[in-house]
């Protein structure tokens, strides 16, 4: 279903926002992805993905309190919307259907 189209990185970002729940802001999302997936994430790529997901209606954001350690700049916190939850459910269901359709013999290959 095209309306729930998610790229692989978008899916990872959306899932990570869910994992972090009420503490999902840019640096926290970046650190969580890097730690869990052992994968480097550029700030630019992450910010682009967060903006895309918000534009698609899968994320909403709110501005936190100003922070003197950040030069007075507030953090922007992200949360998954109902549409984002449906998109993740759809992605999980599609992946599960594909995994379940693989014949057992195809995954039982022996290495020599």
Protein backbone atom coordinates (compact mmCIF):
# COMPACT_ATOMS: atom_id res chain seq x y z
CA UNK A 1 0.00 0.00 0.00
CA UNK A 2 1.65 3.17 -1.20
CA UNK A 3 0.10 5.32 1.55
CA UNK A 4 2.25 3.45 4.10
CA UNK A 5 5.46 3.51 2.10
CA UNK A 6 8.47 3.66 4.41
CA UNK A 7 12.10 3.52 3.44
CA UNK A 8 14.33 1.26 5.54
CA UNK A 9 15.98 4.18 7.35
CA UNK A 10 12.62 5.88 7.89
CA UNK A 11 11.32 2.68 9.47
CA UNK A 12 14.36 2.50 11.77
CA UNK A 13 13.90 6.15 12.77
CA UNK A 14 10.18 5.69 13.42
CA UNK A 15 10.81 2.57 15.50
CA UNK A 16 13.53 4.36 17.47
CA UNK A 17 11.21 7.27 18.23
CA UNK A 18 8.83 4.67 19.63
CA UNK A 19 11.57 3.06 21.71
CA UNK A 20 12.56 6.41 23.20
CA UNK A 21 8.90 7.36 23.67
CA UNK A 22 8.80 10.69 25.52
CA UNK A 23 12.55 11.35 25.22
CA UNK A 24 12.87 11.16 21.42
CA UNK A 25 14.84 14.18 20.21
CA UNK A 26 17.48 14.32 17.47
CA UNK A 27 20.65 13.44 19.40
CA UNK A 28 18.88 10.76 21.47
CA UNK A 29 17.47 9.13 18.30
CA UNK A 30 20.90 9.25 16.63
CA UNK A 31 22.64 7.72 19.66
CA UNK A 32 20.00 5.00 20.05
CA UNK A 33 20.26 3.95 16.40
CA UNK A 34 24.05 3.94 16.51
CA UNK A 35 24.13 1.90 19.73
CA UNK A 36 21.44 -0.62 18.83
CA UNK A 37 22.37 -1.15 15.19
CA UNK A 38 26.10 -0.44 15.35
CA UNK A 39 25.51 1.90 12.43
CA UNK A 40 26.76 5.45 11.99
CA UNK A 41 24.06 8.04 11.39
CA UNK A 42 24.74 11.50 10.03
CA UNK A 43 22.86 14.36 11.66
CA UNK A 44 21.74 15.59 8.24
CA UNK A 45 20.29 12.25 7.20
CA UNK A 46 18.48 11.92 10.52
CA UNK A 47 17.05 15.44 10.40
CA UNK A 48 15.87 14.88 6.82
CA UNK A 49 14.17 11.62 7.81
CA UNK A 50 12.50 13.23 10.84
CA UNK A 51 11.18 16.08 8.66
CA UNK A 52 9.93 13.62 5.99
CA UNK A 53 8.17 11.49 8.60
CA UNK A 54 6.57 14.56 10.13
CA UNK A 55 5.46 15.78 6.68
CA UNK A 56 3.93 12.33 5.98
CA UNK A 57 2.01 12.64 9.25
CA UNK A 58 3.81 9.72 10.91
CA UNK A 59 5.47 11.90 13.57
CA UNK A 60 4.46 14.99 15.47
CA UNK A 61 6.85 17.24 17.32
CA UNK A 62 6.87 19.64 20.21
CA UNK A 63 9.46 22.13 21.38
CA UNK A 64 10.88 21.57 24.85
CA UNK A 65 12.25 24.05 27.34
CA UNK A 66 15.21 26.22 26.43
CA UNK A 67 18.51 24.75 27.55
CA UNK A 68 21.50 26.91 28.55
CA UNK A 69 23.89 24.05 27.70
CA UNK A 70 22.58 24.24 24.13
CA UNK A 71 23.04 28.01 23.88
CA UNK A 72 19.42 28.58 24.87
CA UNK A 73 18.14 26.47 22.01
CA UNK A 74 15.29 24.11 22.95
CA UNK A 75 15.14 20.43 22.00
CA UNK A 76 12.48 19.28 19.54
CA UNK A 77 10.80 16.10 20.78
CA UNK A 78 9.09 13.65 18.43
CA UNK A 79 6.23 11.22 19.00
CA UNK A 80 4.59 8.66 16.74
CA UNK A 81 1.12 9.58 15.48
CA UNK A 82 -1.76 7.19 14.84
CA UNK A 83 -0.81 7.21 11.14
CA UNK A 84 2.80 6.39 12.07
CA UNK A 85 1.60 3.49 14.20
CA UNK A 86 -0.47 2.16 11.29
CA UNK A 87 2.52 2.52 8.94
CA UNK A 88 4.72 0.52 11.33
CA UNK A 89 2.06 -2.16 11.75
CA UNK A 90 1.71 -2.41 7.99
CA UNK A 91 5.49 -2.70 7.52
CA UNK A 92 5.69 -5.41 10.22
CA UNK A 93 2.77 -7.35 8.69
CA UNK A 94 4.29 -7.24 5.18
CA UNK A 95 7.66 -8.43 6.49
CA UNK A 96 6.02 -11.23 8.51
CA UNK A 97 4.00 -12.35 5.49
CA UNK A 98 7.17 -12.52 3.41
CA UNK A 99 9.09 -14.40 6.14
CA UNK A 100 6.20 -16.86 6.51
CA UNK A 101 6.09 -17.42 2.74
CA UNK A 102 9.73 -18.57 2.56
CA UNK A 103 9.84 -22.36 2.24
CA UNK A 104 11.62 -23.90 5.23
CA UNK A 105 14.07 -25.63 2.91
CA UNK A 106 15.22 -22.24 1.58
CA UNK A 107 16.46 -21.26 5.04
CA UNK A 108 17.96 -24.65 5.89
CA UNK A 109 20.93 -24.29 3.56
CA UNK A 110 24.11 -25.86 4.85
CA UNK A 111 27.45 -24.17 4.41
CA UNK A 112 30.36 -26.30 3.21
